[in-house]
Each structure stands twice: as structure tokens, then as C-alpha cells.
């Protein structure tokens, strides 16, 4: 018994030293990850809400990211930018802004905040100064969803048929139904509001092109990605890449968190 106690006594410092060694190496591995930020603010587009990121959020959080998904009022560009600015104010930074569709306009404006280290556009509009959603769309042929957009009291919505056939044509029937009944109508005026000071002029950018997009022309997406000098990824997907290809979206965000040289 005394011999066993002596062995345990001798082993204890070695065990503690080994645990300390592994703890230090684990900390070093985390430090060497190359990530410049682990804070991400996700911004939904028109005809959607924060739940459109429901598949991406757990993927990012499992990688250790701190995620915020805002809820835009979709009443005006100014109101939507103000909503994102409030989220930025609550975040210690640095952080990434990730915008889908119309939200590309929003992050293009809000991204000038010094806490923002980069911009990630997910099949999104990336306007230059003076450009708007409407003026950018005018550069390419009309996309199929246009026939399914309805105007009511100054706000635009998409028919259930448009959601199913054009907005998220590669999703399940249940997902299409949920999108149709939870969609957020957007003020028509917001689509004609021009950008003023594009943050992508001074911040690194990443862009995901949806090759099967029937809302935002894939050709226009590629043009904008080139204009803003974004690191570009093209995936086979409908307009809602974050629901159709959440793994790919999470991967692009993780790469963006490492920054660009």
C-alpha cells in the first residue's frame, strides 16, 4: 500500500506537467488558427427574415464563431442600415458582415464602421456609389421571378408560385412553404435607393455566385464580384444559397474570417 502511494505521489507531478503541456499546445493551436475575427453578423435580404440563416448559424457556432442574425424592417435602406449599425455597436469587433441579396446594399453602407474587417456577399447586390438594386438589375435581362412580384401599398412581395419556382426552387416543399408564409415584403423605394460610400472600396470582400439563381442574374453576380475585387466562389444553387448550400456558405465565411493578405 505504501509503495502504491509512493508511485502515485511520484506520478502526480508528471500527470500535471503533461496536462499543462497539452493545454499550452491547445492554446497555441487556437492562436495559430489564422482567424482574424470570430464575430459574424448575418443580414437577410428581401422577402426573408433572420431565420433564413437557420442552417448556417449552427455550422458557424460549432466552429467557435459568435453569430448575430439581425431582423431588418425592410422599410428603407436607411432604416435597414441603422438596424445593422445597432448590432455592430453591441459587438466588440472585429467582425464580418455577411449579406444576402438586397442586404448586399445594406452591408455595403454599414461596412464602413471601423469594427468591420470584411464583407461577404451571398448572391447579393454590391453597388458602387450611385448604383441601386434597380439600376444594377437594369444592366441584365429580367430574371424569371419578376413576373411573380406583386406591389401592395408601396411594398413588394413574391407569390407562393414565385417562391417555389424561382426563389428557392431547389428546396424541399416544406421549406418553400415556410419561405412563402414568412417572407418579409420590402418597400419598393428601398430598391431604388443608391449607395453612397461603398465599404468594399476599403474592405476585403468575398462573393458567392449562385449559378441557378432566378432572382438575381448569375451574370450580374459575377460582374459585381469582379468589380469589387472579391474572392469569388460559384456554387450550383438557387438564390437562397444559405438554405440550399449551408455548408458551402459556412466555409466561405470561415475563409473570410482568416482575412486576405
Protein backbone atom coordinates (compact mmCIF):
# COMPACT_ATOMS: atom_id res chain seq x y z
CA UNK A 1 0.00 0.00 0.00
CA UNK A 2 2.81 2.37 0.91
CA UNK A 3 4.56 1.51 -2.36
CA UNK A 4 1.37 2.30 -4.34
CA UNK A 5 1.02 5.63 -2.57
CA UNK A 6 4.64 6.47 -3.34
CA UNK A 7 4.14 5.65 -7.04
CA UNK A 8 1.01 7.82 -7.16
CA UNK A 9 2.89 10.60 -5.41
CA UNK A 10 5.70 10.42 -7.95
CA UNK A 11 3.30 10.24 -10.91
CA UNK A 12 1.14 13.21 -9.89
CA UNK A 13 3.65 15.93 -10.92
CA UNK A 14 4.23 14.12 -14.23
CA UNK A 15 0.49 13.98 -14.96
CA UNK A 16 0.09 17.66 -14.09
CA UNK A 17 3.04 18.55 -16.32
CA UNK A 18 1.57 16.54 -19.20
CA UNK A 19 -1.83 18.20 -18.82
CA UNK A 20 -0.19 21.61 -18.72
CA UNK A 21 1.80 20.74 -21.85
CA UNK A 22 -1.30 19.72 -23.79
CA UNK A 23 -3.20 22.79 -22.56
CA UNK A 24 -0.44 25.08 -23.78
CA UNK A 25 -0.29 23.33 -27.13
CA UNK A 26 -4.08 23.53 -27.49
CA UNK A 27 -3.99 27.25 -26.78
CA UNK A 28 -1.19 27.66 -29.31
CA UNK A 29 -3.21 25.71 -31.89
CA UNK A 30 -6.12 28.09 -31.35
CA UNK A 31 -3.79 31.08 -31.60
CA UNK A 32 -2.28 29.69 -34.79
CA UNK A 33 -5.66 29.20 -36.46
CA UNK A 34 -5.12 32.35 -38.52
CA UNK A 35 -8.58 33.71 -37.78
CA UNK A 36 -8.70 37.49 -37.61
CA UNK A 37 -12.24 37.51 -36.27
CA UNK A 38 -14.79 35.08 -34.87
CA UNK A 39 -17.66 37.57 -34.79
CA UNK A 40 -20.18 37.43 -37.63
CA UNK A 41 -23.30 39.50 -38.29
CA UNK A 42 -25.70 37.85 -40.76
CA UNK A 43 -28.05 40.13 -42.70
CA UNK A 44 -31.04 38.71 -44.57
CA UNK A 45 -32.40 40.07 -47.83
CA UNK A 46 -35.81 40.99 -49.17
CA UNK A 47 -38.68 38.51 -48.81
CA UNK A 48 -36.90 36.81 -45.91
CA UNK A 49 -36.01 37.24 -42.25
CA UNK A 50 -33.26 36.21 -39.85
CA UNK A 51 -34.44 32.61 -39.86
CA UNK A 52 -33.16 32.27 -43.42
CA UNK A 53 -29.75 31.69 -41.79
CA UNK A 54 -31.07 28.84 -39.62
CA UNK A 55 -28.88 26.21 -41.30
CA UNK A 56 -25.71 28.32 -41.34
CA UNK A 57 -25.85 29.53 -37.72
CA UNK A 58 -25.22 26.14 -36.04
CA UNK A 59 -22.44 25.35 -38.52
CA UNK A 60 -20.65 28.58 -37.62
CA UNK A 61 -21.22 28.24 -33.89
CA UNK A 62 -19.76 24.73 -33.94
CA UNK A 63 -16.62 26.30 -35.38
CA UNK A 64 -16.47 28.72 -32.47
CA UNK A 65 -17.95 31.80 -34.14
CA UNK A 66 -20.08 34.31 -32.26
CA UNK A 67 -23.07 34.89 -34.53
CA UNK A 68 -25.74 37.59 -34.66
CA UNK A 69 -28.60 37.46 -37.19
CA UNK A 70 -30.40 40.79 -37.47
CA UNK A 71 -34.06 41.36 -38.32
CA UNK A 72 -34.36 44.10 -40.92
CA UNK A 73 -37.58 46.15 -41.10
CA UNK A 74 -37.17 46.33 -44.91
CA UNK A 75 -38.80 49.76 -44.84
CA UNK A 76 -35.88 51.73 -46.29
CA UNK A 77 -32.14 51.41 -46.84
CA UNK A 78 -31.58 53.97 -44.06
CA UNK A 79 -33.71 52.00 -41.59
CA UNK A 80 -32.02 48.74 -42.50
CA UNK A 81 -28.52 50.21 -42.22
CA UNK A 82 -29.47 51.65 -38.82
CA UNK A 83 -30.54 48.18 -37.68
CA UNK A 84 -27.18 46.70 -38.68
CA UNK A 85 -25.32 49.62 -37.09
CA UNK A 86 -27.02 48.87 -33.77
CA UNK A 87 -25.83 45.27 -33.98
CA UNK A 88 -22.30 46.48 -34.75
CA UNK A 89 -22.41 48.82 -31.75
CA UNK A 90 -23.17 45.85 -29.47
CA UNK A 91 -20.29 43.77 -30.86
CA UNK A 92 -16.74 44.29 -29.55
CA UNK A 93 -15.32 43.62 -33.03
CA UNK A 94 -13.57 42.94 -35.26
CA UNK A 95 -16.40 41.37 -37.20
CA UNK A 96 -17.56 40.19 -40.60
CA UNK A 97 -20.72 41.46 -42.24
CA UNK A 98 -22.49 38.82 -44.33
CA UNK A 99 -25.35 39.92 -46.57
CA UNK A 100 -27.75 38.04 -48.82
CA UNK A 101 -29.48 39.56 -51.86
CA UNK A 102 -30.76 43.09 -51.09
CA UNK A 103 -28.75 43.04 -47.86
CA UNK A 104 -25.65 43.47 -50.00
CA UNK A 105 -26.71 47.11 -50.31
CA UNK A 106 -27.06 47.31 -46.54
CA UNK A 107 -23.64 45.86 -45.69
CA UNK A 108 -22.06 47.97 -48.42
CA UNK A 109 -23.13 51.04 -46.42
CA UNK A 110 -22.81 49.71 -42.85
CA UNK A 111 -19.45 48.13 -43.61
CA UNK A 112 -17.65 51.44 -43.27
CA UNK A 113 -17.67 51.04 -39.49
CA UNK A 114 -14.07 50.53 -38.29
CA UNK A 115 -15.07 47.34 -36.45
CA UNK A 116 -15.89 45.66 -39.78
CA UNK A 117 -12.92 43.67 -41.07
CA UNK A 118 -14.54 42.28 -44.20
CA UNK A 119 -17.70 41.86 -46.28
CA UNK A 120 -19.22 38.61 -47.51
CA UNK A 121 -21.81 38.82 -50.29
CA UNK A 122 -24.10 35.79 -50.70
CA UNK A 123 -25.79 36.12 -54.12
CA UNK A 124 -26.08 39.75 -53.16
CA UNK A 125 -26.07 43.21 -54.67
CA UNK A 126 -22.75 45.02 -54.37
CA UNK A 127 -23.44 48.55 -55.63
CA UNK A 128 -20.91 51.22 -56.46
CA UNK A 129 -21.63 54.81 -55.46
CA UNK A 130 -24.81 55.95 -57.18
CA UNK A 131 -25.99 52.43 -58.01
CA UNK A 132 -29.09 50.77 -56.59
CA UNK A 133 -30.78 47.38 -56.82
CA UNK A 134 -32.95 48.74 -59.62
CA UNK A 135 -30.10 50.27 -61.63
CA UNK A 136 -27.97 47.13 -61.30
CA UNK A 137 -30.85 44.91 -62.40
CA UNK A 138 -31.28 47.11 -65.45
CA UNK A 139 -27.83 46.03 -66.67
CA UNK A 140 -29.01 42.48 -67.45
CA UNK A 141 -32.13 40.77 -68.82
CA UNK A 142 -35.08 40.46 -66.45
CA UNK A 143 -34.96 37.33 -64.30
CA UNK A 144 -37.90 34.88 -64.08
CA UNK A 145 -39.00 35.99 -60.60
CA UNK A 146 -40.03 39.41 -61.93
CA UNK A 147 -43.34 38.02 -63.20
CA UNK A 148 -44.19 36.83 -59.68
CA UNK A 149 -43.57 40.09 -57.80
CA UNK A 150 -46.61 41.99 -56.55
CA UNK A 151 -46.90 45.60 -55.33
CA UNK A 152 -49.25 46.48 -52.48
CA UNK A 153 -49.30 49.80 -50.61
CA UNK A 154 -45.71 50.55 -51.61
CA UNK A 155 -44.32 47.13 -50.62
CA UNK A 156 -43.24 44.27 -52.86
CA UNK A 157 -43.86 40.59 -52.20
CA UNK A 158 -43.49 37.36 -54.16
CA UNK A 159 -46.30 34.93 -54.92
CA UNK A 160 -46.16 31.42 -53.48
CA UNK A 161 -45.59 30.21 -57.03
CA UNK A 162 -42.62 32.55 -57.38
CA UNK A 163 -41.10 31.33 -54.10
CA UNK A 164 -41.45 27.72 -55.24
CA UNK A 165 -40.30 28.07 -58.84
CA UNK A 166 -37.82 30.95 -58.71
CA UNK A 167 -36.76 31.93 -55.18
CA UNK A 168 -35.88 28.55 -53.71
CA UNK A 169 -36.57 26.04 -56.45
CA UNK A 170 -34.05 23.52 -55.08
CA UNK A 171 -35.53 23.40 -51.57
CA UNK A 172 -37.99 20.92 -50.13
CA UNK A 173 -41.72 21.58 -50.40
CA UNK A 174 -41.87 22.28 -46.67
CA UNK A 175 -39.06 24.83 -46.88
CA UNK A 176 -40.74 26.54 -49.82
CA UNK A 177 -43.99 26.77 -47.88
CA UNK A 178 -42.25 28.27 -44.86
CA UNK A 179 -40.49 30.85 -47.03
CA UNK A 180 -43.77 31.80 -48.68
CA UNK A 181 -45.66 32.42 -45.44
CA UNK A 182 -42.83 34.11 -43.53
CA UNK A 183 -41.49 36.33 -46.31
CA UNK A 184 -40.84 39.96 -45.45
CA UNK A 185 -42.24 42.38 -48.04
CA UNK A 186 -39.81 45.15 -48.91
CA UNK A 187 -40.50 48.82 -49.56
CA UNK A 188 -40.33 49.46 -53.30
CA UNK A 189 -38.42 52.69 -52.64
CA UNK A 190 -35.58 50.74 -50.99
CA UNK A 191 -34.74 49.06 -54.28
CA UNK A 192 -34.24 52.43 -55.94
CA UNK A 193 -32.05 53.95 -53.21
CA UNK A 194 -28.47 54.46 -54.44
CA UNK A 195 -25.37 53.59 -52.48
CA UNK A 196 -23.29 56.49 -51.21
CA UNK A 197 -19.95 55.29 -49.81
CA UNK A 198 -19.31 51.62 -50.67
CA UNK A 199 -17.31 49.91 -47.95
CA UNK A 200 -15.85 47.40 -50.41
CA UNK A 201 -13.60 50.16 -51.68
CA UNK A 202 -11.57 49.88 -48.47
CA UNK A 203 -12.53 46.49 -47.02
CA UNK A 204 -11.70 43.00 -48.37
CA UNK A 205 -14.68 41.19 -49.87
CA UNK A 206 -15.84 37.66 -50.63
CA UNK A 207 -18.65 36.74 -53.01
CA UNK A 208 -20.77 33.62 -53.60
CA UNK A 209 -22.38 33.31 -57.02
CA UNK A 210 -25.47 31.10 -57.34
CA UNK A 211 -25.29 29.55 -60.80
CA UNK A 212 -29.02 28.65 -60.86
CA UNK A 213 -30.28 31.96 -59.44
CA UNK A 214 -33.65 33.01 -60.90
CA UNK A 215 -33.92 36.19 -58.78
CA UNK A 216 -30.55 37.90 -59.18
CA UNK A 217 -28.90 37.21 -62.52
CA UNK A 218 -25.81 34.97 -62.10
CA UNK A 219 -24.20 37.06 -64.83
CA UNK A 220 -24.76 40.21 -62.76
CA UNK A 221 -23.46 38.46 -59.66
CA UNK A 222 -20.23 37.58 -61.45
CA UNK A 223 -19.92 41.14 -62.79
CA UNK A 224 -20.31 42.65 -59.32
CA UNK A 225 -17.88 40.18 -57.77
CA UNK A 226 -15.27 41.20 -60.32
CA UNK A 227 -15.97 44.90 -59.84
CA UNK A 228 -15.40 44.75 -56.09
CA UNK A 229 -12.35 42.50 -56.50
CA UNK A 230 -13.91 39.82 -54.32
CA UNK A 231 -12.57 36.36 -53.68
CA UNK A 232 -15.30 34.50 -55.57
CA UNK A 233 -16.91 31.09 -55.16
CA UNK A 234 -19.54 29.75 -57.55
CA UNK A 235 -21.95 27.03 -56.42
CA UNK A 236 -24.86 25.28 -58.08
CA UNK A 237 -27.75 26.73 -56.13
CA UNK A 238 -30.94 28.74 -56.19
CA UNK A 239 -30.99 32.32 -54.93
CA UNK A 240 -31.12 31.21 -51.29
CA UNK A 241 -27.66 29.65 -51.08
CA UNK A 242 -27.69 29.71 -47.28
CA UNK A 243 -30.64 27.29 -47.27
CA UNK A 244 -29.64 25.25 -50.30
CA UNK A 245 -25.87 25.01 -49.63
CA UNK A 246 -25.30 25.98 -45.97
CA UNK A 247 -22.02 24.06 -45.72
CA UNK A 248 -20.56 26.00 -48.63
CA UNK A 249 -21.69 29.30 -47.12
CA UNK A 250 -20.15 28.43 -43.75
CA UNK A 251 -16.88 27.50 -45.49
CA UNK A 252 -16.71 30.84 -47.30
CA UNK A 253 -17.39 32.75 -44.08
CA UNK A 254 -14.68 30.75 -42.30
CA UNK A 255 -12.20 31.63 -45.07
CA UNK A 256 -13.20 35.28 -44.86
CA UNK A 257 -12.52 35.19 -41.11
CA UNK A 258 -8.90 34.44 -41.94
CA UNK A 259 -8.68 37.70 -43.88
CA UNK A 260 -6.76 38.42 -47.07
CA UNK A 261 -3.11 39.33 -47.47
